Amino acid sequence: MEKRQNELESWVASMVRGDLGYTYIRLYADAPSWVRDLAVNRFGKGTVFLPAEQTRPRAA
């Protein structure tokens, strides 16, 4: 499970915790569908996905 959590973090472009318990997440545009499910499981029903703007940068 910890491996999946680390993979989730690599797909998150930005994340902000809001005042009312919401977590606003912007994933990279090329994130697989399971990443959204994992984010909801981790942060709960107060997860709000913002539109993706770019693809994930390639590793050097």
PDB file of N, CA and C in Angstrom:
ATOM      1  N   MET A   1       0.832  -1.211   0.000  1.00  0.00           N
ATOM      2  CA  MET A   1       0.000   0.000   0.000  1.00  0.00           C
ATOM      3  C   MET A   1       0.868   1.263   0.000  1.00  0.00           C
ATOM      4  N   GLU A   2       1.984   1.217   0.719  1.00  0.00           N
ATOM      5  CA  GLU A   2       2.851   2.390   0.787  1.00  0.00           C
ATOM      6  C   GLU A   2       3.411   2.736  -0.595  1.00  0.00           C
ATOM      7  N   LYS A   3       3.685   1.708  -1.393  1.00  0.00           N
ATOM      8  CA  LYS A   3       4.182   1.940  -2.750  1.00  0.00           C
ATOM      9  C   LYS A   3       3.150   2.727  -3.563  1.00  0.00           C
ATOM     10  N   ARG A   4       1.878   2.364  -3.432  1.00  0.00           N
ATOM     11  CA  ARG A   4       0.806   3.079  -4.152  1.00  0.00           C
ATOM     12  C   ARG A   4       0.713   4.533  -3.696  1.00  0.00           C
ATOM     13  N   GLN A   5       0.882   4.771  -2.377  1.00  0.00           N
ATOM     14  CA  GLN A   5       0.826   6.141  -1.866  1.00  0.00           C
ATOM     15  C   GLN A   5       1.950   6.977  -2.459  1.00  0.00           C
ATOM     16  N   ASN A   6       3.141   6.391  -2.578  1.00  0.00           N
ATOM     17  CA  ASN A   6       4.260   7.110  -3.191  1.00  0.00           C
ATOM     18  C   ASN A   6       3.987   7.380  -4.664  1.00  0.00           C
ATOM     19  N   GLU A   7       3.357   6.415  -5.346  1.00  0.00           N
ATOM     20  CA  GLU A   7       3.001   6.615  -6.746  1.00  0.00           C
ATOM     21  C   GLU A   7       1.974   7.729  -6.885  1.00  0.00           C
ATOM     22  N   LEU A   8       1.030   7.814  -5.957  1.00  0.00           N
ATOM     23  CA  LEU A   8       0.035   8.889  -5.980  1.00  0.00           C
ATOM     24  C   LEU A   8       0.732  10.239  -5.945  1.00  0.00           C
ATOM     25  N   GLU A   9       1.675  10.400  -5.050  1.00  0.00           N
ATOM     26  CA  GLU A   9       2.363  11.678  -4.914  1.00  0.00           C
ATOM     27  C   GLU A   9       3.102  12.070  -6.179  1.00  0.00           C
ATOM     28  N   SER A  10       3.578  11.095  -6.932  1.00  0.00           N
ATOM     29  CA  SER A  10       4.296  11.416  -8.163  1.00  0.00           C
ATOM     30  C   SER A  10       3.347  11.897  -9.272  1.00  0.00           C
ATOM     31  N   TRP A  11       2.049  11.629  -9.153  1.00  0.00           N
ATOM     32  CA  TRP A  11       1.066  12.065 -10.156  1.00  0.00           C
ATOM     33  C   TRP A  11       0.381  13.377  -9.781  1.00  0.00           C
ATOM     34  N   VAL A  12       0.607  13.889  -8.570  1.00  0.00           N
ATOM     35  CA  VAL A  12      -0.050  15.118  -8.115  1.00  0.00           C
ATOM     36  C   VAL A  12       0.782  16.325  -8.539  1.00  0.00           C
ATOM     37  N   ALA A  13       0.183  17.195  -9.363  1.00  0.00           N
ATOM     38  CA  ALA A  13       0.865  18.419  -9.798  1.00  0.00           C
ATOM     39  C   ALA A  13       0.810  19.477  -8.707  1.00  0.00           C
ATOM     40  N   SER A  14      -0.337  19.573  -8.010  1.00  0.00           N
ATOM     41  CA  SER A  14      -0.472  20.515  -6.903  1.00  0.00           C
ATOM     42  C   SER A  14      -1.599  20.042  -5.982  1.00  0.00           C
ATOM     43  N   MET A  15      -1.502  20.468  -4.729  1.00  0.00           N
ATOM     44  CA  MET A  15      -2.521  20.089  -3.751  1.00  0.00           C
ATOM     45  C   MET A  15      -2.627  21.199  -2.716  1.00  0.00           C
ATOM     46  N   VAL A  16      -3.877  21.569  -2.385  1.00  0.00           N
ATOM     47  CA  VAL A  16      -4.140  22.594  -1.381  1.00  0.00           C
ATOM     48  C   VAL A  16      -5.244  22.077  -0.477  1.00  0.00           C
ATOM     49  N   ARG A  17      -5.056  22.233   0.819  1.00  0.00           N
ATOM     50  CA  ARG A  17      -6.106  21.878   1.774  1.00  0.00           C
ATOM     51  C   ARG A  17      -6.931  23.129   2.052  1.00  0.00           C
ATOM     52  N   GLY A  18      -8.232  23.040   1.803  1.00  0.00           N
ATOM     53  CA  GLY A  18      -9.122  24.178   1.987  1.00  0.00           C
ATOM     54  C   GLY A  18      -9.591  24.332   3.425  1.00  0.00           C
ATOM     55  N   ASP A  19     -10.304  25.423   3.675  1.00  0.00           N
ATOM     56  CA  ASP A  19     -10.776  25.760   5.019  1.00  0.00           C
ATOM     57  C   ASP A  19     -11.847  24.812   5.552  1.00  0.00           C
ATOM     58  N   LEU A  20     -12.695  24.296   4.695  1.00  0.00           N
ATOM     59  CA  LEU A  20     -13.843  23.507   5.138  1.00  0.00           C
ATOM     60  C   LEU A  20     -13.601  21.998   5.053  1.00  0.00           C
ATOM     61  N   GLY A  21     -12.343  21.591   5.047  1.00  0.00           N
ATOM     62  CA  GLY A  21     -12.034  20.173   5.007  1.00  0.00           C
ATOM     63  C   GLY A  21     -11.894  19.604   3.612  1.00  0.00           C
ATOM     64  N   TYR A  22     -11.986  20.451   2.599  1.00  0.00           N
ATOM     65  CA  TYR A  22     -11.818  19.981   1.231  1.00  0.00           C
ATOM     66  C   TYR A  22     -10.328  19.929   0.879  1.00  0.00           C
ATOM     67  N   THR A  23      -9.982  18.999   0.025  1.00  0.00           N
ATOM     68  CA  THR A  23      -8.625  18.913  -0.505  1.00  0.00           C
ATOM     69  C   THR A  23      -8.718  19.095  -2.007  1.00  0.00           C
ATOM     70  N   TYR A  24      -8.073  20.135  -2.511  1.00  0.00           N
ATOM     71  CA  TYR A  24      -8.091  20.451  -3.938  1.00  0.00           C
ATOM     72  C   TYR A  24      -6.829  19.881  -4.573  1.00  0.00           C
ATOM     73  N   ILE A  25      -7.018  18.982  -5.523  1.00  0.00           N
ATOM     74  CA  ILE A  25      -5.898  18.280  -6.149  1.00  0.00           C
ATOM     75  C   ILE A  25      -5.918  18.511  -7.652  1.00  0.00           C
ATOM     76  N   ARG A  26      -4.750  18.842  -8.190  1.00  0.00           N
ATOM     77  CA  ARG A  26      -4.574  18.924  -9.636  1.00  0.00           C
ATOM     78  C   ARG A  26      -3.601  17.821 -10.017  1.00  0.00           C
ATOM     79  N   LEU A  27      -4.110  16.836 -10.766  1.00  0.00           N
ATOM     80  CA  LEU A  27      -3.272  15.748 -11.245  1.00  0.00           C
ATOM     81  C   LEU A  27      -2.663  16.135 -12.583  1.00  0.00           C
ATOM     82  N   TYR A  28      -1.591  15.462 -12.936  1.00  0.00           N
ATOM     83  CA  TYR A  28      -1.032  15.647 -14.274  1.00  0.00           C
ATOM     84  C   TYR A  28      -2.007  15.070 -15.292  1.00  0.00           C
ATOM     85  N   ALA A  29      -2.017  15.621 -16.498  1.00  0.00           N
ATOM     86  CA  ALA A  29      -2.985  15.250 -17.533  1.00  0.00           C
ATOM     87  C   ALA A  29      -2.893  13.778 -17.930  1.00  0.00           C
ATOM     88  N   ASP A  30      -1.710  13.181 -17.830  1.00  0.00           N
ATOM     89  CA  ASP A  30      -1.539  11.790 -18.236  1.00  0.00           C
ATOM     90  C   ASP A  30      -1.655  10.799 -17.077  1.00  0.00           C
ATOM     91  N   ALA A  31      -2.239  11.234 -15.958  1.00  0.00           N
ATOM     92  CA  ALA A  31      -2.409  10.343 -14.799  1.00  0.00           C
ATOM     93  C   ALA A  31      -3.408   9.237 -15.125  1.00  0.00           C
ATOM     94  N   PRO A  32      -3.085   7.987 -14.756  1.00  0.00           N
ATOM     95  CA  PRO A  32      -4.033   6.893 -14.986  1.00  0.00           C
ATOM     96  C   PRO A  32      -5.265   7.020 -14.090  1.00  0.00           C
ATOM     97  N   SER A  33      -6.340   6.356 -14.453  1.00  0.00           N
ATOM     98  CA  SER A  33      -7.611   6.494 -13.726  1.00  0.00           C
ATOM     99  C   SER A  33      -7.518   6.007 -12.280  1.00  0.00           C
ATOM    100  N   TRP A  34      -6.663   5.025 -11.994  1.00  0.00           N
ATOM    101  CA  TRP A  34      -6.576   4.512 -10.626  1.00  0.00           C
ATOM    102  C   TRP A  34      -6.033   5.558  -9.653  1.00  0.00           C
ATOM    103  N   VAL A  35      -5.338   6.577 -10.171  1.00  0.00           N
ATOM    104  CA  VAL A  35      -4.777   7.613  -9.305  1.00  0.00           C
ATOM    105  C   VAL A  35      -5.898   8.419  -8.655  1.00  0.00           C
ATOM    106  N   ARG A  36      -6.954   8.713  -9.414  1.00  0.00           N
ATOM    107  CA  ARG A  36      -8.104   9.434  -8.845  1.00  0.00           C
ATOM    108  C   ARG A  36      -8.740   8.627  -7.717  1.00  0.00           C
ATOM    109  N   ASP A  37      -8.924   7.327  -7.943  1.00  0.00           N
ATOM    110  CA  ASP A  37      -9.512   6.460  -6.920  1.00  0.00           C
ATOM    111  C   ASP A  37      -8.654   6.441  -5.665  1.00  0.00           C
ATOM    112  N   LEU A  38      -7.353   6.355  -5.848  1.00  0.00           N
ATOM    113  CA  LEU A  38      -6.435   6.322  -4.711  1.00  0.00           C
ATOM    114  C   LEU A  38      -6.488   7.637  -3.933  1.00  0.00           C
ATOM    115  N   ALA A  39      -6.594   8.759  -4.653  1.00  0.00           N
ATOM    116  CA  ALA A  39      -6.680  10.064  -3.990  1.00  0.00           C
ATOM    117  C   ALA A  39      -7.952  10.167  -3.150  1.00  0.00           C
ATOM    118  N   VAL A  40      -9.079   9.707  -3.681  1.00  0.00           N
ATOM    119  CA  VAL A  40     -10.338   9.747  -2.923  1.00  0.00           C
ATOM    120  C   VAL A  40     -10.236   8.842  -1.699  1.00  0.00           C
ATOM    121  N   ASN A  41      -9.635   7.672  -1.847  1.00  0.00           N
ATOM    122  CA  ASN A  41      -9.456   6.776  -0.704  1.00  0.00           C
ATOM    123  C   ASN A  41      -8.573   7.403   0.362  1.00  0.00           C
ATOM    124  N   ARG A  42      -7.581   8.154  -0.047  1.00  0.00           N
ATOM    125  CA  ARG A  42      -6.647   8.761   0.907  1.00  0.00           C
ATOM    126  C   ARG A  42      -7.214  10.006   1.574  1.00  0.00           C
ATOM    127  N   PHE A  43      -7.872  10.886   0.791  1.00  0.00           N
ATOM    128  CA  PHE A  43      -8.314  12.177   1.320  1.00  0.00           C
ATOM    129  C   PHE A  43      -9.812  12.250   1.607  1.00  0.00           C
ATOM    130  N   GLY A  44     -10.572  11.251   1.214  1.00  0.00           N
ATOM    131  CA  GLY A  44     -11.986  11.215   1.536  1.00  0.00           C
ATOM    132  C   GLY A  44     -12.873  11.879   0.495  1.00  0.00           C
ATOM    133  N   LYS A  45     -14.163  11.955   0.847  1.00  0.00           N
ATOM    134  CA  LYS A  45     -15.162  12.488  -0.094  1.00  0.00           C
ATOM    135  C   LYS A  45     -15.005  13.977  -0.335  1.00  0.00           C
ATOM    136  N   GLY A  46     -14.224  14.655   0.480  1.00  0.00           N
ATOM    137  CA  GLY A  46     -13.998  16.088   0.293  1.00  0.00           C
ATOM    138  C   GLY A  46     -12.892  16.378  -0.695  1.00  0.00           C
ATOM    139  N   THR A  47     -12.616  15.435  -1.582  1.00  0.00           N
ATOM    140  CA  THR A  47     -11.570  15.622  -2.578  1.00  0.00           C
ATOM    141  C   THR A  47     -12.166  16.297  -3.810  1.00  0.00           C
ATOM    142  N   VAL A  48     -11.573  17.405  -4.217  1.00  0.00           N
ATOM    143  CA  VAL A  48     -12.016  18.133  -5.397  1.00  0.00           C
ATOM    144  C   VAL A  48     -10.873  18.113  -6.403  1.00  0.00           C
ATOM    145  N   PHE A  49     -11.168  17.630  -7.614  1.00  0.00           N
ATOM    146  CA  PHE A  49     -10.149  17.559  -8.649  1.00  0.00           C
ATOM    147  C   PHE A  49     -10.233  18.796  -9.533  1.00  0.00           C
ATOM    148  N   LEU A  50      -9.128  19.486  -9.655  1.00  0.00           N
ATOM    149  CA  LEU A  50      -9.031  20.640 -10.537  1.00  0.00           C
ATOM    150  C   LEU A  50      -8.591  20.159 -11.916  1.00  0.00           C
ATOM    151  N   PRO A  51      -8.918  20.893 -12.972  1.00  0.00           N
ATOM    152  CA  PRO A  51      -8.528  20.464 -14.321  1.00  0.00           C
ATOM    153  C   PRO A  51      -7.008  20.366 -14.467  1.00  0.00           C
ATOM    154  N   ALA A  52      -6.573  19.326 -15.151  1.00  0.00           N
ATOM    155  CA  ALA A  52      -5.144  19.133 -15.397  1.00  0.00           C
ATOM    156  C   ALA A  52      -4.671  20.134 -16.448  1.00  0.00           C
ATOM    157  N   GLU A  53      -3.427  20.577 -16.316  1.00  0.00           N
ATOM    158  CA  GLU A  53      -2.894  21.551 -17.262  1.00  0.00           C
ATOM    159  C   GLU A  53      -1.715  21.014 -18.076  1.00  0.00           C
ATOM    160  N   GLN A  54      -0.992  20.063 -17.555  1.00  0.00           N
ATOM    161  CA  GLN A  54       0.224  19.591 -18.231  1.00  0.00           C
ATOM    162  C   GLN A  54       0.439  18.121 -17.956  1.00  0.00           C
ATOM    163  N   THR A  55       1.307  17.513 -18.736  1.00  0.00           N
ATOM    164  CA  THR A  55       1.667  16.122 -18.494  1.00  0.00           C
ATOM    165  C   THR A  55       2.790  16.066 -17.462  1.00  0.00           C
ATOM    166  N   ARG A  56       2.961  14.912 -16.888  1.00  0.00           N
ATOM    167  CA  ARG A  56       3.987  14.736 -15.864  1.00  0.00           C
ATOM    168  C   ARG A  56       5.373  14.849 -16.504  1.00  0.00           C
ATOM    169  N   PRO A  57       6.276  15.601 -15.851  1.00  0.00           N
ATOM    170  CA  PRO A  57       7.624  15.723 -16.410  1.00  0.00           C
ATOM    171  C   PRO A  57       8.349  14.385 -16.416  1.00  0.00           C
ATOM    172  N   ARG A  58       9.156  14.169 -17.410  1.00  0.00           N
ATOM    173  CA  ARG A  58       9.948  12.942 -17.518  1.00  0.00           C
ATOM    174  C   ARG A  58      11.102  12.980 -16.528  1.00  0.00           C
ATOM    175  N   ALA A  59      11.448  11.803 -16.009  1.00  0.00           N
ATOM    176  CA  ALA A  59      12.600  11.695 -15.105  1.00  0.00           C
ATOM    177  C   ALA A  59      13.879  11.948 -15.884  1.00  0.00           C
ATOM    178  N   ALA A  60      14.812  12.569 -15.233  1.00  0.00           N
ATOM    179  CA  ALA A  60      16.089  12.878 -15.913  1.00  0.00           C
ATOM    180  C   ALA A  60      16.945  11.648 -16.082  1.00  0.00           C
TER     181      ALA A  60
END
